Protein backbone atom coordinates (compact mmCIF):
# COMPACT_ATOMS: atom_id res chain seq x y z
CA MET A 1 -0.03 0.13 -0.35
CA LYS A 2 1.13 3.63 -0.64
CA GLY A 3 0.16 6.62 0.64
CA GLY A 4 -2.23 4.74 2.87
CA GLY A 5 -0.41 6.16 6.70
CA ASN A 6 1.19 3.91 9.80
CA LEU A 7 -1.71 1.89 10.29
CA PRO A 8 -2.15 -1.64 8.41
CA VAL A 9 -4.83 -2.11 6.17
CA GLN A 10 -7.49 -3.86 8.38
CA ASN A 11 -6.78 -1.61 10.65
CA ARG A 12 -8.02 1.31 8.84
CA ASN A 13 -11.38 2.97 9.43
CA ILE A 14 -12.20 3.32 5.51
CA ASN A 15 -15.56 5.46 6.45
CA GLN A 16 -13.96 8.33 7.50
CA LEU A 17 -10.54 8.04 5.38
CA ILE A 18 -13.54 8.27 2.44
CA PHE A 19 -15.04 11.08 4.14
CA ASP A 20 -11.69 12.96 5.04
CA ARG A 21 -10.96 13.18 1.68
CA TYR A 22 -14.51 13.14 -0.23
CA ALA A 23 -13.65 17.23 -1.64
CA SER A 24 -10.76 16.17 -3.04
CA PHE A 25 -11.97 13.38 -5.15
CA SER A 26 -13.26 13.86 -9.22
CA ALA A 27 -16.98 14.12 -9.93
CA ARG A 28 -16.33 10.53 -11.04
CA GLN A 29 -14.66 9.01 -8.25
CA LYS A 30 -17.21 10.96 -5.68
CA GLN A 31 -19.83 8.75 -7.54
CA VAL A 32 -17.42 5.54 -6.97
CA ALA A 33 -17.41 6.79 -3.08
CA ASP A 34 -21.05 7.25 -3.18
CA TYR A 35 -22.06 4.32 -4.23
CA VAL A 36 -19.36 1.82 -2.34
CA MET A 37 -20.47 3.44 0.88
CA ALA A 38 -24.25 3.30 0.70
CA ASN A 39 -23.55 -0.48 -0.49
CA ILE A 40 -20.68 -1.79 1.37
CA ASN A 41 -22.28 -5.01 2.66
CA GLU A 42 -22.27 -6.23 -1.29
CA VAL A 43 -19.04 -4.27 -2.74
CA ILE A 44 -16.84 -6.65 -0.54
CA TYR A 45 -17.88 -9.45 -2.69
CA PHE A 46 -17.51 -7.67 -5.89
CA PRO A 47 -15.60 -8.35 -8.84
CA LEU A 48 -14.11 -4.91 -10.53
CA SER A 49 -16.17 -5.71 -13.77
CA LYS A 50 -19.46 -6.30 -11.54
CA LEU A 51 -18.69 -2.87 -9.77
CA VAL A 52 -18.00 -0.86 -12.94
CA SER A 53 -21.35 -2.07 -14.61
CA ALA A 54 -23.32 -1.66 -11.09
CA ILE A 55 -22.09 2.54 -11.11
CA GLY A 56 -21.32 3.08 -14.56
CA ALA A 57 -18.07 3.73 -14.48
CA SER A 58 -14.75 2.79 -15.75
CA GLN A 59 -12.11 0.23 -14.47
CA ALA A 60 -9.92 3.31 -14.77
CA THR A 61 -11.75 5.56 -12.62
CA ILE A 62 -12.91 3.25 -9.62
CA VAL A 63 -8.88 2.09 -9.73
CA ARG A 64 -7.57 6.10 -9.74
CA PHE A 65 -9.95 5.95 -6.60
CA ALA A 66 -8.31 2.96 -4.68
CA GLN A 67 -5.04 4.92 -5.54
CA ALA A 68 -6.64 8.26 -4.02
CA LEU A 69 -7.01 6.57 -0.86
CA GLY A 70 -3.64 4.99 -0.62
CA TYR A 71 -4.52 1.51 -1.74
CA GLN A 72 -2.56 -0.21 -4.93
CA GLY A 73 -5.60 -0.72 -6.61
CA PHE A 74 -8.84 -2.19 -6.33
CA ASN A 75 -8.27 -5.69 -5.14
CA GLU A 76 -6.00 -4.26 -2.54
CA PHE A 77 -8.99 -1.90 -1.84
CA ARG A 78 -11.66 -4.36 -1.61
CA HIS A 79 -9.45 -6.51 1.30
CA ALA A 80 -9.21 -3.97 3.16
CA LEU A 81 -13.33 -2.38 3.08
CA PHE A 82 -13.87 -6.52 3.62
CA GLU A 83 -11.50 -6.21 7.17
CA TYR A 84 -13.24 -3.00 7.68
CA TYR A 85 -16.50 -4.67 7.29
CA ARG A 86 -15.74 -7.59 9.09
CA ASP A 87 -14.01 -5.52 11.76
CA TYR A 88 -16.25 -2.88 12.29
CA LEU A 89 -20.17 -3.48 10.90
CA SER A 90 -20.60 -7.19 11.56
CA PRO A 91 -22.48 -8.23 14.20
CA ASP A 92 -19.87 -9.95 15.77
CA GLY A 93 -17.00 -7.72 14.73
CA ARG A 94 -19.33 -5.07 17.14
CA MET A 95 -19.49 -7.22 19.85
CA LYS A 96 -15.52 -8.30 19.92
CA HIS A 97 -14.47 -4.86 19.17
CA SER A 98 -16.89 -3.66 22.46
CA ILE A 99 -15.27 -6.16 24.59
CA GLU A 100 -11.86 -4.77 23.55
CA VAL A 101 -13.05 -1.65 24.34
CA LEU A 102 -13.86 -2.13 27.32
CA GLU A 103 -10.87 -4.68 28.55
CA GLN A 104 -8.75 -1.46 27.84
CA ASP A 105 -9.68 0.27 31.32
CA SER A 106 -10.71 -2.04 34.55
CA LEU A 107 -14.80 -2.24 34.22
CA SER A 108 -17.04 0.07 36.26
CA TYR A 109 -20.24 1.88 36.02
CA GLU A 110 -18.58 5.17 36.63
CA GLN A 111 -15.92 4.19 33.99
CA LEU A 112 -18.62 3.18 31.47
CA SER A 113 -20.63 6.32 32.27
CA ARG A 114 -18.39 9.07 32.17
CA LYS A 115 -17.62 7.74 28.53
CA GLU A 116 -21.11 8.47 27.69
CA ILE A 117 -21.19 11.71 28.91
CA LEU A 118 -17.90 12.60 26.90
CA TYR A 119 -19.95 11.47 23.96
CA LEU A 120 -23.27 14.26 25.31
CA GLU A 121 -20.34 16.82 25.54
CA ARG A 122 -18.87 16.18 22.31
CA SER A 123 -22.82 16.34 20.58
CA ILE A 124 -22.83 20.10 21.60
CA SER A 125 -20.33 20.46 18.72
CA THR A 126 -21.02 18.62 16.76
CA VAL A 127 -24.98 19.22 16.72
CA ASP A 128 -25.78 22.59 14.47
CA ASN A 129 -27.38 24.89 16.24
CA SER A 130 -29.28 25.98 12.92
CA VAL A 131 -29.61 23.03 11.72
CA PHE A 132 -31.93 22.26 15.19
CA LYS A 133 -34.00 25.45 14.98
CA ASP A 134 -34.79 24.75 11.81
CA SER A 135 -35.74 21.16 12.37
CA ILE A 136 -37.87 22.37 15.51
CA GLU A 137 -39.69 24.76 12.84
CA ALA A 138 -40.20 21.74 9.90
CA ILE A 139 -41.90 19.40 13.17
CA SER A 140 -44.13 22.48 14.33
CA ASP A 141 -45.24 23.21 10.90
CA ALA A 142 -45.96 19.57 8.86
CA GLU A 143 -49.13 18.51 7.90
CA SER A 144 -47.83 15.22 8.92
CA ILE A 145 -44.60 13.97 10.82
CA TYR A 146 -43.79 10.24 9.47
CA ILE A 147 -41.25 8.73 12.29
CA PHE A 148 -38.66 5.72 11.17
CA GLY A 149 -37.00 3.92 13.12
CA ILE A 150 -36.45 0.05 12.58
CA GLY A 151 -34.97 -2.52 14.58
CA PRO A 152 -32.28 -0.91 17.26
CA ASP A 153 -33.32 2.62 16.61
CA GLU A 154 -37.39 1.57 17.03
CA PRO A 155 -37.50 2.93 20.57
CA LEU A 156 -35.97 6.36 19.84
CA ALA A 157 -38.68 6.34 16.99
CA CYS A 158 -41.32 5.15 19.50
CA HIS A 159 -40.08 8.49 22.39
CA LEU A 160 -40.12 10.82 19.73
CA HIS A 161 -44.26 9.66 17.98
CA PHE A 162 -45.61 9.52 22.42
CA ARG A 163 -44.16 12.80 22.93
CA LEU A 164 -44.90 14.73 19.48
CA ARG A 165 -48.66 13.21 19.46
CA ARG A 166 -49.51 14.18 23.18
CA LEU A 167 -48.62 17.94 22.07
CA LYS A 168 -51.31 16.87 19.52
CA LEU A 169 -49.45 16.89 16.20
CA HIS A 170 -50.17 14.41 13.49
CA CYS A 171 -48.00 11.79 13.57
CA HIS A 172 -46.95 8.43 12.83
CA GLN A 173 -44.61 5.89 13.85
CA VAL A 174 -43.17 3.38 11.20
CA SER A 175 -40.69 0.43 12.70
CA VAL A 176 -41.48 -1.74 10.05
CA SER A 177 -39.23 -2.96 6.97
CA GLY A 178 -39.41 -5.01 3.59
CA ARG A 179 -42.66 -4.85 1.51
CA ASP A 180 -44.65 -3.53 4.79
CA LEU A 181 -42.39 -0.20 4.74
CA PHE A 182 -44.86 1.12 1.71
CA GLU A 183 -47.72 0.54 3.22
CA HIS A 184 -46.69 3.51 5.11
CA LEU A 185 -45.71 5.71 2.03
CA LEU A 186 -47.73 5.28 0.32
CA VAL A 187 -50.04 8.40 1.45
CA LEU A 188 -46.74 10.56 2.02
CA SER A 189 -46.64 14.40 0.42
CA SER A 190 -44.34 16.91 0.09
CA ARG A 191 -46.75 18.96 2.88
CA ASP A 192 -45.52 15.78 5.20
CA LEU A 193 -42.31 15.43 7.02
CA ALA A 194 -39.98 12.48 7.53
CA VAL A 195 -37.62 11.86 10.83
CA VAL A 196 -35.76 9.24 10.40
CA TYR A 197 -32.71 7.40 12.72
CA SER A 198 -30.32 5.67 10.95
CA PHE A 199 -26.57 4.90 12.15
CA SER A 200 -23.45 2.52 11.54
CA LYS A 201 -24.07 1.89 7.97
CA PRO A 202 -27.18 2.70 5.80
CA SER A 203 -29.65 -0.89 5.44
CA ILE A 204 -31.22 -1.22 2.66
CA ASP A 205 -34.53 -0.17 4.03
CA PHE A 206 -32.72 2.65 4.49
CA LYS A 207 -32.20 3.49 0.45
CA ARG A 208 -35.84 2.26 -0.31
CA LEU A 209 -37.14 4.72 2.04
CA THR A 210 -35.26 7.87 1.15
CA GLY A 211 -35.77 7.04 -2.52
CA VAL A 212 -39.49 7.61 -1.56
CA LEU A 213 -38.86 10.23 0.46
CA ALA A 214 -36.98 11.52 -2.68
CA ASP A 215 -39.07 10.63 -5.57
CA ARG A 216 -42.63 12.37 -3.32
CA HIS A 217 -40.33 15.80 -2.15
CA VAL A 218 -40.85 14.92 1.31
CA PRO A 219 -38.43 17.39 3.61
CA VAL A 220 -36.01 14.67 5.60
CA ILE A 221 -34.35 15.27 9.45
CA LEU A 222 -31.97 13.00 9.57
CA ILE A 223 -30.68 11.93 12.80
CA THR A 224 -27.40 10.20 12.35
CA ASP A 225 -24.25 9.24 13.45
CA ILE A 226 -23.10 8.54 9.34
CA LYS A 227 -20.82 11.09 7.72
CA ASN A 228 -21.23 9.85 4.45
CA PRO A 229 -22.09 12.13 1.65
CA ALA A 230 -23.69 10.07 -0.19
CA LEU A 231 -26.91 9.53 2.56
CA THR A 232 -26.44 13.41 4.91
CA ARG A 233 -27.34 14.63 1.27
CA ILE A 234 -30.91 13.18 1.33
CA ALA A 235 -31.94 15.35 3.95
CA ASP A 236 -32.89 18.63 4.40
CA HIS A 237 -31.98 18.79 7.82
CA ILE A 238 -29.10 16.26 9.71
CA LEU A 239 -28.75 16.42 13.45
CA TYR A 240 -25.24 14.54 13.70
CA ALA A 241 -23.18 13.45 16.91
CA GLU A 242 -21.12 10.25 17.41
CA ARG A 243 -22.31 7.84 20.05
CA GLY A 244 -19.58 5.61 20.49
CA PRO A 245 -16.08 3.88 19.01
CA ALA A 246 -16.55 2.83 15.34
CA GLY A 247 -17.49 -0.50 15.64
CA THR A 248 -19.33 -0.98 18.72
CA PHE A 249 -22.33 -1.49 20.69
CA PRO A 250 -23.01 2.45 21.32
CA SER A 251 -26.46 3.51 23.41
CA PRO A 252 -28.99 5.17 22.48
CA LEU A 253 -28.10 7.80 25.04
CA VAL A 254 -26.88 10.64 22.68
CA PRO A 255 -29.44 10.86 19.77
CA MET A 256 -32.08 9.93 22.85
CA ALA A 257 -30.88 13.13 24.02
CA ILE A 258 -31.09 14.80 20.46
CA THR A 259 -35.06 13.50 20.56
CA ASN A 260 -35.51 14.89 23.89
CA ALA A 261 -34.19 18.24 22.88
CA LEU A 262 -36.19 18.44 19.38
CA ILE A 263 -39.53 17.60 21.76
CA LEU A 264 -38.58 20.53 24.08
CA GLY A 265 -38.10 23.11 21.51
CA VAL A 266 -41.31 21.58 19.35
CA ALA A 267 -43.01 22.42 22.77
CA GLU A 268 -41.29 25.63 23.34
CA GLU A 269 -42.22 27.01 19.31
CA LEU A 270 -45.97 25.80 19.92
CA GLU A 271 -45.93 27.21 23.56
CA ASN A 272 -49.97 27.54 24.78
CA LYS A 273 -51.22 25.03 22.30
CA ALA A 274 -48.68 22.83 23.88
CA VAL A 275 -49.84 23.55 27.51
CA ASP A 276 -53.84 23.04 25.82
CA ALA A 277 -52.92 20.09 24.41
CA LEU A 278 -51.93 18.52 27.79
CA LYS A 279 -54.53 20.31 29.48
CA GLU A 280 -56.81 18.90 26.68
CA LEU A 281 -55.55 15.11 28.05
CA GLY A 282 -56.21 14.98 31.20
CA ASP A 283 -59.74 16.76 31.06
CA LEU A 284 -60.05 13.64 28.76
CA ARG A 285 -58.91 11.38 30.72
CA ASP A 286 -61.26 13.09 33.97
CA ARG A 287 -64.09 12.97 31.98
CA PHE A 288 -64.02 9.21 30.97
CA PHE A 289 -61.25 7.28 32.57
CA TYR A 290 -61.67 8.40 36.25
CA SER A 291 -65.53 9.30 36.26
CA GLU A 292 -67.56 6.99 38.24
CA LYS A 293 -69.86 6.80 35.00
CA TYR A 294 -67.19 5.07 33.07
CA LYS A 295 -65.84 3.08 35.72
């Protein structure tokens, strides 16, 4: 490998490497980067000819892209990509890496909590405050809000949905995948808003979802720890914050803090409407739950 730094291939975070050098790529090389990082779990098995066909770029472009990252050619790049996927993105790799990180220090609740606090503090500088305010306005003004969180992101979507619904906002939680996902996308329009949780690597459902959102011209708030431009550019508002070391099982504490901040920001934006909505909820309970007539 040439020009790739001192770390061995298998220890390099290729996702971060591509992001760091993205601005220096040619337009065609950016096209390669976009496809590779959006389809990493497939590209690691692609021969060069298949990648050429999938992207529509020449072999020379793909080879120059690999060399721009410090590799001698495509095969060396693909090998490093496979090592990265195995060590950082596969379930067993993430568990192994999580254990290795924990073994570096004596295990204690204090030690684990201080690491969480560290990433919370970092999020203060990585979450753009102007984007945060724009996100609050977008949520407050949307005709309907569709909140997408699949798999481990479902609790985050559930919490946001629960709180916004209490403020009498028209919102829908979507935590299904596969063919069932499209049942919820049928009624989307440009007057709606999508809040999407997506971390670590994009799933096939994420790509399908964002494709439909772009087709329907639905504005998107993306809450993520992904810096890949191919993914982040699909969003109108990006709330980015790291959750922990790459390739580990980070907690949802940071995205939950972002979620809570959005909820409080929307409540402040709505002002009396938020208070009146919760008062109405209390009145409904008094009339139809606590009332002796309905017991």
